N, C-alpha and C. Protein backbone atom coordinates (compact mmCIF):
# COMPACT_ATOMS: atom_id res chain seq x y z
N MET A 1 -14.96 -30.95 27.82
CA MET A 1 -13.64 -30.87 27.25
C MET A 1 -13.70 -30.53 25.76
N LYS A 2 -14.69 -31.09 25.06
CA LYS A 2 -14.83 -30.81 23.63
C LYS A 2 -15.10 -29.32 23.39
N VAL A 3 -15.87 -28.69 24.27
CA VAL A 3 -16.20 -27.27 24.13
C VAL A 3 -14.92 -26.43 24.21
N LYS A 4 -14.02 -26.80 25.12
CA LYS A 4 -12.75 -26.07 25.26
C LYS A 4 -11.96 -26.12 23.95
N TYR A 5 -11.86 -27.28 23.32
CA TYR A 5 -11.12 -27.42 22.08
C TYR A 5 -11.80 -26.66 20.94
N ILE A 6 -13.10 -26.66 20.92
CA ILE A 6 -13.83 -25.92 19.89
C ILE A 6 -13.58 -24.42 20.05
N VAL A 7 -13.65 -23.92 21.28
CA VAL A 7 -13.40 -22.50 21.53
C VAL A 7 -11.97 -22.13 21.13
N LEU A 8 -10.99 -22.94 21.51
CA LEU A 8 -9.60 -22.68 21.14
C LEU A 8 -9.41 -22.70 19.62
N ALA A 9 -10.06 -23.63 18.94
CA ALA A 9 -9.96 -23.71 17.49
C ALA A 9 -10.55 -22.47 16.83
N VAL A 10 -11.70 -22.03 17.33
CA VAL A 10 -12.33 -20.83 16.78
C VAL A 10 -11.45 -19.61 17.03
N LEU A 11 -10.90 -19.46 18.23
CA LEU A 11 -10.01 -18.34 18.54
C LEU A 11 -8.77 -18.35 17.65
N ALA A 12 -8.19 -19.52 17.45
CA ALA A 12 -7.01 -19.62 16.60
C ALA A 12 -7.37 -19.29 15.15
N MET A 13 -8.54 -19.76 14.72
CA MET A 13 -8.97 -19.51 13.35
C MET A 13 -9.10 -18.02 13.08
N PHE A 14 -9.62 -17.28 14.04
CA PHE A 14 -9.81 -15.85 13.86
C PHE A 14 -8.64 -15.03 14.38
N SER A 15 -7.55 -15.73 14.73
CA SER A 15 -6.29 -15.07 15.07
C SER A 15 -6.37 -14.18 16.30
N PHE A 16 -7.20 -14.50 17.27
CA PHE A 16 -7.25 -13.72 18.50
C PHE A 16 -6.14 -14.15 19.46
N ILE A 17 -5.59 -15.33 19.26
CA ILE A 17 -4.49 -15.79 20.09
C ILE A 17 -3.20 -15.28 19.46
N GLY A 18 -2.33 -14.67 20.26
CA GLY A 18 -1.06 -14.18 19.75
C GLY A 18 -1.19 -12.93 18.91
N CYS A 19 -2.27 -12.22 19.03
CA CYS A 19 -2.50 -11.00 18.27
C CYS A 19 -1.86 -9.83 19.02
N ASP A 20 -0.62 -9.51 18.67
CA ASP A 20 0.14 -8.49 19.38
C ASP A 20 -0.21 -7.10 18.90
N GLU A 21 0.03 -6.13 19.78
CA GLU A 21 -0.20 -4.73 19.44
C GLU A 21 0.95 -4.13 18.64
N GLU A 22 2.03 -4.91 18.44
CA GLU A 22 3.18 -4.38 17.73
C GLU A 22 2.93 -4.25 16.23
N TYR A 23 1.88 -4.82 15.72
CA TYR A 23 1.58 -4.76 14.30
C TYR A 23 0.68 -3.57 13.99
N ALA A 24 1.05 -2.82 12.96
CA ALA A 24 0.24 -1.67 12.55
C ALA A 24 -1.12 -2.15 12.08
N LYS A 25 -2.14 -1.39 12.38
CA LYS A 25 -3.50 -1.73 11.97
C LYS A 25 -3.82 -1.00 10.67
N VAL A 26 -4.34 -1.70 9.71
CA VAL A 26 -4.69 -1.15 8.40
C VAL A 26 -6.10 -0.57 8.50
N PRO A 27 -6.39 0.57 7.94
CA PRO A 27 -5.59 1.40 7.05
C PRO A 27 -4.74 2.43 7.79
N PHE A 28 -3.63 2.83 7.16
CA PHE A 28 -2.81 3.91 7.70
C PHE A 28 -1.95 4.52 6.58
N THR A 29 -1.51 5.76 6.79
CA THR A 29 -0.56 6.41 5.89
C THR A 29 0.55 7.03 6.73
N VAL A 30 1.75 7.09 6.15
CA VAL A 30 2.90 7.70 6.82
C VAL A 30 3.65 8.54 5.78
N PRO A 31 4.18 9.69 6.20
CA PRO A 31 4.96 10.49 5.25
C PRO A 31 6.32 9.85 4.97
N VAL A 32 6.58 9.55 3.69
CA VAL A 32 7.86 8.99 3.26
C VAL A 32 8.19 9.58 1.90
N ASP A 33 9.35 10.19 1.76
CA ASP A 33 9.74 10.81 0.49
C ASP A 33 10.46 9.80 -0.39
N PHE A 34 9.72 9.16 -1.28
CA PHE A 34 10.30 8.15 -2.17
C PHE A 34 10.93 8.77 -3.41
N SER A 35 11.13 10.09 -3.44
CA SER A 35 11.77 10.71 -4.60
C SER A 35 13.30 10.58 -4.53
N LYS A 36 13.83 10.14 -3.41
CA LYS A 36 15.28 9.96 -3.24
C LYS A 36 15.64 8.48 -3.34
N LYS A 37 16.61 8.16 -4.21
CA LYS A 37 17.05 6.78 -4.37
C LYS A 37 17.55 6.24 -3.02
N GLY A 38 17.15 5.01 -2.70
CA GLY A 38 17.59 4.38 -1.47
C GLY A 38 16.68 4.60 -0.28
N THR A 39 15.63 5.42 -0.44
CA THR A 39 14.69 5.62 0.66
C THR A 39 13.96 4.30 0.92
N VAL A 40 13.91 3.89 2.18
CA VAL A 40 13.28 2.62 2.55
C VAL A 40 12.27 2.89 3.66
N TYR A 41 11.10 2.25 3.54
CA TYR A 41 10.14 2.24 4.63
C TYR A 41 9.72 0.79 4.82
N GLU A 42 9.72 0.35 6.07
CA GLU A 42 9.25 -1.01 6.34
C GLU A 42 8.51 -1.06 7.67
N THR A 43 7.55 -1.96 7.73
CA THR A 43 6.75 -2.12 8.94
C THR A 43 6.10 -3.49 8.94
N ASP A 44 5.71 -3.92 10.13
CA ASP A 44 4.88 -5.11 10.28
C ASP A 44 3.44 -4.64 10.42
N PHE A 45 2.51 -5.35 9.80
CA PHE A 45 1.11 -4.96 9.89
C PHE A 45 0.23 -6.20 9.91
N GLN A 46 -1.01 -5.99 10.30
CA GLN A 46 -1.99 -7.06 10.35
C GLN A 46 -3.04 -6.80 9.28
N ALA A 47 -3.28 -7.80 8.43
CA ALA A 47 -4.31 -7.67 7.41
C ALA A 47 -5.66 -7.46 8.10
N PRO A 48 -6.50 -6.59 7.55
CA PRO A 48 -7.75 -6.26 8.21
C PRO A 48 -8.80 -7.36 8.08
N TRP A 49 -9.75 -7.32 8.98
CA TRP A 49 -10.94 -8.14 8.85
C TRP A 49 -11.89 -7.36 7.96
N ASN A 50 -12.36 -7.97 6.91
CA ASN A 50 -13.26 -7.32 5.98
C ASN A 50 -14.20 -8.38 5.46
N ILE A 51 -15.49 -8.17 5.60
CA ILE A 51 -16.46 -9.19 5.19
C ILE A 51 -16.36 -9.52 3.71
N TRP A 52 -15.94 -8.55 2.88
CA TRP A 52 -15.85 -8.78 1.43
C TRP A 52 -14.52 -9.38 1.02
N GLY A 53 -13.65 -9.66 1.97
CA GLY A 53 -12.35 -10.22 1.65
C GLY A 53 -11.27 -9.36 2.26
N SER A 54 -10.04 -9.77 2.06
CA SER A 54 -8.95 -9.08 2.72
C SER A 54 -7.94 -8.54 1.73
N ARG A 55 -8.42 -7.99 0.63
CA ARG A 55 -7.50 -7.35 -0.30
C ARG A 55 -6.95 -6.10 0.36
N VAL A 56 -5.64 -5.94 0.21
CA VAL A 56 -4.95 -4.81 0.80
C VAL A 56 -4.23 -4.07 -0.32
N GLU A 57 -4.35 -2.74 -0.32
CA GLU A 57 -3.71 -1.92 -1.34
C GLU A 57 -2.52 -1.19 -0.72
N PHE A 58 -1.38 -1.26 -1.40
CA PHE A 58 -0.19 -0.52 -1.03
C PHE A 58 -0.08 0.62 -2.03
N TYR A 59 0.04 1.85 -1.56
CA TYR A 59 -0.02 2.97 -2.49
C TYR A 59 0.84 4.15 -2.05
N LEU A 60 1.16 5.02 -3.02
CA LEU A 60 1.77 6.32 -2.75
C LEU A 60 0.66 7.35 -2.80
N PHE A 61 0.76 8.35 -1.96
CA PHE A 61 -0.27 9.40 -1.91
C PHE A 61 0.43 10.76 -1.97
N PRO A 62 0.69 11.26 -3.21
CA PRO A 62 1.27 12.60 -3.33
C PRO A 62 0.18 13.64 -3.16
N GLN A 63 0.47 14.71 -2.42
CA GLN A 63 -0.55 15.72 -2.23
C GLN A 63 0.07 17.07 -1.92
N ILE A 64 -0.69 18.11 -2.24
CA ILE A 64 -0.35 19.47 -1.83
C ILE A 64 -1.08 19.69 -0.51
N ASP A 65 -0.35 20.07 0.53
CA ASP A 65 -0.98 20.35 1.82
C ASP A 65 -1.76 21.66 1.73
N TRP A 66 -3.05 21.56 1.95
CA TRP A 66 -3.89 22.76 1.94
C TRP A 66 -4.06 23.22 3.37
N THR A 67 -3.70 24.45 3.64
CA THR A 67 -3.88 24.99 4.98
C THR A 67 -4.79 26.20 4.92
N VAL A 68 -5.47 26.44 6.01
CA VAL A 68 -6.39 27.57 6.07
C VAL A 68 -5.62 28.89 6.05
N GLU A 69 -4.43 28.89 6.67
CA GLU A 69 -3.66 30.13 6.77
C GLU A 69 -3.19 30.63 5.40
N LYS A 70 -2.85 29.71 4.50
CA LYS A 70 -2.31 30.12 3.21
C LYS A 70 -3.11 29.47 2.09
N ARG A 71 -3.77 30.27 1.32
CA ARG A 71 -4.57 29.75 0.20
C ARG A 71 -3.63 29.19 -0.87
N PRO A 72 -4.06 28.16 -1.58
CA PRO A 72 -3.20 27.58 -2.62
C PRO A 72 -3.02 28.56 -3.78
N SER A 73 -1.81 28.57 -4.32
CA SER A 73 -1.54 29.41 -5.49
C SER A 73 -2.15 28.75 -6.72
N GLU A 74 -2.18 29.48 -7.80
CA GLU A 74 -2.69 28.94 -9.07
C GLU A 74 -1.84 27.73 -9.51
N GLN A 75 -0.51 27.83 -9.32
CA GLN A 75 0.38 26.72 -9.70
C GLN A 75 0.13 25.49 -8.83
N GLU A 76 -0.13 25.70 -7.54
CA GLU A 76 -0.42 24.57 -6.65
C GLU A 76 -1.73 23.89 -7.02
N ARG A 77 -2.72 24.67 -7.39
CA ARG A 77 -3.99 24.07 -7.84
C ARG A 77 -3.79 23.27 -9.12
N TYR A 78 -3.00 23.83 -10.04
CA TYR A 78 -2.71 23.14 -11.30
C TYR A 78 -1.98 21.81 -11.02
N LEU A 79 -0.96 21.86 -10.14
CA LEU A 79 -0.21 20.65 -9.80
C LEU A 79 -1.12 19.61 -9.16
N SER A 80 -2.01 20.03 -8.29
CA SER A 80 -2.95 19.11 -7.65
C SER A 80 -3.84 18.42 -8.69
N ASP A 81 -4.29 19.18 -9.69
CA ASP A 81 -5.10 18.61 -10.78
C ASP A 81 -4.28 17.62 -11.61
N GLU A 82 -3.01 17.96 -11.88
CA GLU A 82 -2.13 17.07 -12.64
C GLU A 82 -1.89 15.76 -11.89
N ILE A 83 -1.68 15.85 -10.59
CA ILE A 83 -1.47 14.65 -9.78
C ILE A 83 -2.68 13.73 -9.90
N ARG A 84 -3.86 14.30 -9.86
CA ARG A 84 -5.09 13.50 -9.91
C ARG A 84 -5.40 12.99 -11.31
N ALA A 85 -5.28 13.86 -12.34
CA ALA A 85 -5.81 13.49 -13.65
C ALA A 85 -4.88 13.84 -14.81
N GLY A 86 -3.60 14.05 -14.56
CA GLY A 86 -2.68 14.44 -15.62
C GLY A 86 -2.28 13.29 -16.53
N ASP A 87 -1.37 13.59 -17.46
CA ASP A 87 -0.90 12.63 -18.44
C ASP A 87 0.20 11.76 -17.85
N THR A 88 -0.03 10.48 -17.76
CA THR A 88 0.96 9.58 -17.16
C THR A 88 2.21 9.43 -18.02
N LYS A 89 2.09 9.69 -19.34
CA LYS A 89 3.26 9.52 -20.22
C LYS A 89 4.31 10.58 -19.99
N THR A 90 3.89 11.80 -19.66
CA THR A 90 4.84 12.90 -19.44
C THR A 90 5.18 13.05 -17.96
N SER A 91 4.70 12.16 -17.15
CA SER A 91 4.84 12.24 -15.70
C SER A 91 6.18 11.72 -15.21
N PRO A 92 6.71 12.31 -14.13
CA PRO A 92 7.82 11.65 -13.44
C PRO A 92 7.31 10.32 -12.87
N HIS A 93 8.18 9.31 -12.82
CA HIS A 93 7.79 7.99 -12.32
C HIS A 93 8.67 7.58 -11.14
N PHE A 94 8.03 6.98 -10.15
CA PHE A 94 8.74 6.39 -9.01
C PHE A 94 9.02 4.93 -9.38
N LYS A 95 10.26 4.50 -9.25
CA LYS A 95 10.59 3.09 -9.44
C LYS A 95 10.72 2.50 -8.04
N ILE A 96 9.78 1.63 -7.70
CA ILE A 96 9.62 1.12 -6.34
C ILE A 96 9.82 -0.40 -6.31
N LYS A 97 10.59 -0.86 -5.32
CA LYS A 97 10.69 -2.30 -5.07
C LYS A 97 9.91 -2.57 -3.79
N ILE A 98 8.92 -3.45 -3.89
CA ILE A 98 8.09 -3.80 -2.74
C ILE A 98 8.30 -5.27 -2.42
N THR A 99 8.52 -5.55 -1.14
CA THR A 99 8.70 -6.92 -0.66
C THR A 99 7.69 -7.17 0.45
N LEU A 100 6.90 -8.22 0.30
CA LEU A 100 5.86 -8.56 1.27
C LEU A 100 6.14 -9.98 1.77
N THR A 101 6.31 -10.11 3.08
CA THR A 101 6.66 -11.38 3.70
C THR A 101 5.61 -11.77 4.73
N PRO A 102 5.02 -12.97 4.61
CA PRO A 102 4.10 -13.42 5.65
C PRO A 102 4.88 -13.73 6.93
N LEU A 103 4.32 -13.33 8.07
CA LEU A 103 4.92 -13.64 9.38
C LEU A 103 4.08 -14.76 9.99
N GLY A 104 4.66 -15.90 10.11
CA GLY A 104 3.88 -17.05 10.57
C GLY A 104 3.32 -17.77 9.35
N TRP A 105 2.26 -18.48 9.57
CA TRP A 105 1.68 -19.25 8.48
C TRP A 105 0.69 -18.42 7.66
N ALA A 106 0.61 -18.76 6.40
CA ALA A 106 -0.40 -18.19 5.51
C ALA A 106 -1.05 -19.39 4.82
N SER A 107 -2.35 -19.51 4.90
CA SER A 107 -2.99 -20.76 4.52
C SER A 107 -3.45 -20.83 3.08
N HIS A 108 -3.18 -19.82 2.28
CA HIS A 108 -3.63 -19.90 0.90
C HIS A 108 -2.67 -19.17 -0.03
N GLU A 109 -2.87 -19.35 -1.33
CA GLU A 109 -2.07 -18.65 -2.31
C GLU A 109 -2.46 -17.18 -2.31
N VAL A 110 -1.53 -16.33 -2.71
CA VAL A 110 -1.77 -14.89 -2.69
C VAL A 110 -1.76 -14.34 -4.11
N PRO A 111 -2.96 -14.02 -4.65
CA PRO A 111 -2.99 -13.33 -5.94
C PRO A 111 -2.70 -11.85 -5.72
N ILE A 112 -1.90 -11.26 -6.60
CA ILE A 112 -1.61 -9.83 -6.50
C ILE A 112 -1.89 -9.16 -7.83
N MET A 113 -2.14 -7.86 -7.76
CA MET A 113 -2.25 -7.01 -8.95
C MET A 113 -1.23 -5.90 -8.79
N LEU A 114 -0.47 -5.66 -9.85
CA LEU A 114 0.58 -4.65 -9.83
C LEU A 114 0.24 -3.51 -10.76
N GLY A 115 0.66 -2.31 -10.39
CA GLY A 115 0.53 -1.16 -11.27
C GLY A 115 -0.78 -0.42 -11.12
N GLN A 116 -0.91 0.61 -11.98
CA GLN A 116 -2.06 1.49 -11.92
C GLN A 116 -3.10 1.09 -12.96
N PHE A 117 -4.24 1.79 -12.94
CA PHE A 117 -5.36 1.51 -13.84
C PHE A 117 -4.88 1.21 -15.26
N GLY A 118 -5.52 0.27 -15.91
CA GLY A 118 -5.25 -0.02 -17.31
C GLY A 118 -3.93 -0.75 -17.55
N ASN A 119 -2.96 -0.59 -16.68
CA ASN A 119 -1.66 -1.24 -16.84
C ASN A 119 -1.45 -2.31 -15.79
N ARG A 120 -2.50 -2.77 -15.16
CA ARG A 120 -2.36 -3.75 -14.09
C ARG A 120 -2.07 -5.13 -14.66
N LYS A 121 -1.15 -5.82 -13.98
CA LYS A 121 -0.91 -7.22 -14.33
C LYS A 121 -1.11 -8.05 -13.07
N GLU A 122 -1.56 -9.27 -13.26
CA GLU A 122 -1.84 -10.14 -12.13
C GLU A 122 -0.80 -11.25 -12.06
N LYS A 123 -0.48 -11.66 -10.82
CA LYS A 123 0.44 -12.77 -10.56
C LYS A 123 -0.10 -13.56 -9.39
N LEU A 124 0.36 -14.79 -9.28
CA LEU A 124 -0.06 -15.64 -8.18
C LEU A 124 1.18 -16.18 -7.47
N TYR A 125 1.23 -16.00 -6.15
CA TYR A 125 2.32 -16.52 -5.33
C TYR A 125 1.79 -17.68 -4.51
N THR A 126 2.62 -18.72 -4.34
CA THR A 126 2.18 -19.87 -3.54
C THR A 126 2.24 -19.53 -2.06
N LYS A 127 1.56 -20.33 -1.26
CA LYS A 127 1.45 -20.01 0.16
C LYS A 127 2.80 -19.94 0.85
N GLY A 128 2.94 -18.88 1.66
CA GLY A 128 4.15 -18.67 2.43
C GLY A 128 5.31 -18.06 1.66
N GLN A 129 5.16 -17.88 0.35
CA GLN A 129 6.24 -17.36 -0.47
C GLN A 129 6.40 -15.85 -0.27
N VAL A 130 7.65 -15.37 -0.25
CA VAL A 130 7.91 -13.94 -0.16
C VAL A 130 7.57 -13.31 -1.51
N ILE A 131 6.82 -12.23 -1.48
CA ILE A 131 6.45 -11.51 -2.70
C ILE A 131 7.43 -10.36 -2.86
N GLU A 132 8.07 -10.30 -4.02
CA GLU A 132 9.02 -9.22 -4.30
C GLU A 132 8.80 -8.76 -5.73
N GLU A 133 8.48 -7.49 -5.88
CA GLU A 133 8.18 -6.94 -7.20
C GLU A 133 8.79 -5.55 -7.35
N ILE A 134 9.10 -5.18 -8.59
CA ILE A 134 9.54 -3.83 -8.93
C ILE A 134 8.46 -3.21 -9.80
N VAL A 135 7.99 -2.03 -9.39
CA VAL A 135 6.86 -1.38 -10.05
C VAL A 135 7.21 0.07 -10.35
N SER A 136 6.74 0.57 -11.49
CA SER A 136 6.88 1.98 -11.84
C SER A 136 5.54 2.66 -11.59
N VAL A 137 5.56 3.75 -10.81
CA VAL A 137 4.34 4.45 -10.42
C VAL A 137 4.45 5.90 -10.85
N SER A 138 3.47 6.38 -11.64
CA SER A 138 3.54 7.76 -12.14
C SER A 138 3.01 8.75 -11.10
N LEU A 139 3.61 9.94 -11.09
CA LEU A 139 3.14 11.01 -10.21
C LEU A 139 1.82 11.56 -10.71
N TYR A 140 1.69 11.71 -12.04
CA TYR A 140 0.48 12.32 -12.62
C TYR A 140 -0.49 11.24 -13.10
N GLY A 141 -1.77 11.57 -13.00
CA GLY A 141 -2.82 10.70 -13.52
C GLY A 141 -3.16 9.54 -12.61
N GLY A 142 -4.29 8.90 -12.89
CA GLY A 142 -4.68 7.70 -12.15
C GLY A 142 -5.34 7.93 -10.81
N GLY A 143 -5.78 9.16 -10.53
CA GLY A 143 -6.44 9.42 -9.26
C GLY A 143 -5.49 9.97 -8.21
N SER A 144 -6.02 10.20 -7.03
CA SER A 144 -5.23 10.81 -5.96
C SER A 144 -4.19 9.88 -5.37
N SER A 145 -4.55 8.61 -5.18
CA SER A 145 -3.57 7.66 -4.65
C SER A 145 -3.04 6.82 -5.81
N LYS A 146 -1.77 6.48 -5.75
CA LYS A 146 -1.07 5.76 -6.83
C LYS A 146 -0.77 4.33 -6.37
N THR A 147 -1.49 3.37 -6.92
CA THR A 147 -1.37 1.98 -6.50
C THR A 147 -0.01 1.39 -6.87
N ILE A 148 0.64 0.81 -5.88
CA ILE A 148 1.87 0.04 -6.11
C ILE A 148 1.49 -1.42 -6.33
N MET A 149 0.67 -1.95 -5.41
CA MET A 149 0.29 -3.35 -5.47
C MET A 149 -0.99 -3.57 -4.67
N ILE A 150 -1.82 -4.50 -5.13
CA ILE A 150 -2.98 -4.97 -4.37
C ILE A 150 -2.76 -6.45 -4.14
N ALA A 151 -2.85 -6.89 -2.88
CA ALA A 151 -2.62 -8.29 -2.54
C ALA A 151 -3.83 -8.82 -1.78
N ASP A 152 -4.25 -10.02 -2.14
CA ASP A 152 -5.37 -10.67 -1.46
C ASP A 152 -4.81 -11.50 -0.31
N LEU A 153 -4.73 -10.87 0.86
CA LEU A 153 -4.08 -11.48 2.02
C LEU A 153 -5.08 -12.20 2.91
N GLN A 154 -4.55 -13.03 3.78
CA GLN A 154 -5.41 -13.73 4.73
C GLN A 154 -5.84 -12.78 5.84
N ARG A 155 -7.12 -12.76 6.12
CA ARG A 155 -7.66 -11.88 7.17
C ARG A 155 -6.94 -12.09 8.50
N LEU A 156 -6.62 -10.97 9.16
CA LEU A 156 -6.05 -10.95 10.50
C LEU A 156 -4.71 -11.67 10.63
N ARG A 157 -4.04 -11.95 9.52
CA ARG A 157 -2.70 -12.53 9.57
C ARG A 157 -1.69 -11.38 9.55
N ASN A 158 -0.49 -11.65 10.05
CA ASN A 158 0.55 -10.63 10.14
C ASN A 158 1.53 -10.73 8.98
N TYR A 159 1.97 -9.57 8.50
CA TYR A 159 2.87 -9.47 7.35
C TYR A 159 3.92 -8.40 7.60
N HIS A 160 5.03 -8.50 6.88
CA HIS A 160 6.06 -7.47 6.90
C HIS A 160 6.15 -6.91 5.48
N VAL A 161 6.14 -5.58 5.36
CA VAL A 161 6.29 -4.96 4.06
C VAL A 161 7.54 -4.07 4.08
N ARG A 162 8.28 -4.12 2.99
CA ARG A 162 9.46 -3.27 2.81
C ARG A 162 9.32 -2.61 1.45
N VAL A 163 9.41 -1.29 1.43
CA VAL A 163 9.27 -0.53 0.18
C VAL A 163 10.54 0.31 0.02
N GLU A 164 11.15 0.22 -1.17
CA GLU A 164 12.41 0.93 -1.43
C GLU A 164 12.34 1.67 -2.75
N SER A 165 12.82 2.91 -2.74
CA SER A 165 12.92 3.71 -3.96
C SER A 165 14.22 3.34 -4.66
N LEU A 166 14.13 2.98 -5.96
CA LEU A 166 15.30 2.52 -6.70
C LEU A 166 15.96 3.60 -7.54
N GLU A 167 15.27 4.74 -7.74
CA GLU A 167 15.81 5.83 -8.55
C GLU A 167 15.41 7.17 -7.96
N ASP A 168 16.23 8.19 -8.24
CA ASP A 168 15.85 9.56 -7.88
C ASP A 168 14.73 9.99 -8.82
N VAL A 169 13.77 10.75 -8.28
CA VAL A 169 12.66 11.26 -9.07
C VAL A 169 12.67 12.78 -8.95
N GLU A 170 12.66 13.45 -10.08
CA GLU A 170 12.63 14.91 -10.05
C GLU A 170 11.18 15.37 -9.92
N LEU A 171 10.85 15.85 -8.73
CA LEU A 171 9.49 16.32 -8.45
C LEU A 171 9.40 17.82 -8.70
N PRO A 172 8.20 18.32 -9.01
CA PRO A 172 8.02 19.76 -9.11
C PRO A 172 8.42 20.43 -7.80
N ASN A 173 9.04 21.58 -7.89
CA ASN A 173 9.59 22.25 -6.71
C ASN A 173 8.51 23.08 -6.00
N PHE A 174 7.72 22.41 -5.19
CA PHE A 174 6.69 23.07 -4.39
C PHE A 174 6.89 22.66 -2.95
N GLU A 175 7.01 23.63 -2.07
CA GLU A 175 7.27 23.36 -0.66
C GLU A 175 6.17 22.51 -0.03
N ARG A 176 4.95 22.70 -0.49
CA ARG A 176 3.82 22.00 0.15
C ARG A 176 3.47 20.67 -0.53
N LEU A 177 4.29 20.20 -1.48
CA LEU A 177 4.08 18.89 -2.09
C LEU A 177 4.72 17.84 -1.18
N HIS A 178 3.92 16.90 -0.71
CA HIS A 178 4.40 15.84 0.18
C HIS A 178 3.96 14.49 -0.36
N ILE A 179 4.80 13.47 -0.14
CA ILE A 179 4.50 12.11 -0.56
C ILE A 179 4.28 11.27 0.70
N LYS A 180 3.21 10.48 0.68
CA LYS A 180 2.94 9.56 1.78
C LYS A 180 2.83 8.15 1.23
N PHE A 181 3.16 7.16 2.07
CA PHE A 181 2.96 5.76 1.74
C PHE A 181 1.80 5.27 2.57
N GLY A 182 0.92 4.49 1.97
CA GLY A 182 -0.23 3.99 2.71
C GLY A 182 -0.53 2.54 2.43
N ILE A 183 -1.20 1.94 3.40
CA ILE A 183 -1.76 0.60 3.24
C ILE A 183 -3.23 0.73 3.58
N GLY A 184 -4.09 0.33 2.66
CA GLY A 184 -5.52 0.47 2.87
C GLY A 184 -6.28 -0.79 2.49
N ARG A 185 -7.50 -0.84 2.96
CA ARG A 185 -8.40 -1.94 2.56
C ARG A 185 -8.81 -1.72 1.12
N PHE A 186 -9.00 -2.79 0.40
CA PHE A 186 -9.45 -2.71 -0.99
C PHE A 186 -10.63 -3.64 -1.13
N ASP A 187 -11.80 -3.09 -1.32
CA ASP A 187 -13.04 -3.85 -1.31
C ASP A 187 -13.11 -4.77 -2.54
N ARG A 188 -13.38 -6.06 -2.30
CA ARG A 188 -13.52 -7.04 -3.39
C ARG A 188 -14.65 -6.69 -4.34
N LYS A 189 -15.65 -5.98 -3.85
CA LYS A 189 -16.82 -5.67 -4.69
C LYS A 189 -16.48 -4.66 -5.76
N VAL A 190 -15.36 -3.95 -5.60
CA VAL A 190 -14.98 -2.92 -6.57
C VAL A 190 -14.42 -3.55 -7.81
């Protein structure tokens, strides 16, 4: 009888019980145009299992779609370089409201980091508390993906994320410029 309780405790600890397929598995990206005020994307997801911890990054991924049929123009190459390494001060900025809600229990406090390189600030939320933050994310500079928030979540626990654009953003007028929203693993060793 003791073995049965030990097995059940281990299964519950690793969240194999009640692990539904309705939750998105991290990492993933979806196309969402956050340049329009009022655009909302929300989903339920499961924090990944990661031996180095369960930090999860929420980010925007602006990109020029490169296709074999049509070579990129000089302007498209320039824009791609600006997105990756341009000047953040002259950049259009996305004003994003992100809300992260634990589904079920969360057994520890959640430290988060907001913003992009050099401008990151850290906050600590108590267990089970809804995380709600407003962040400004630049289109240019800071690498290919633009960090909205990094949260140290509990492994294999379920969460709901809601991301909303609070302002219109004037993007360069390129047909092949697309914005995606992503949730990815963020290695603690980094």
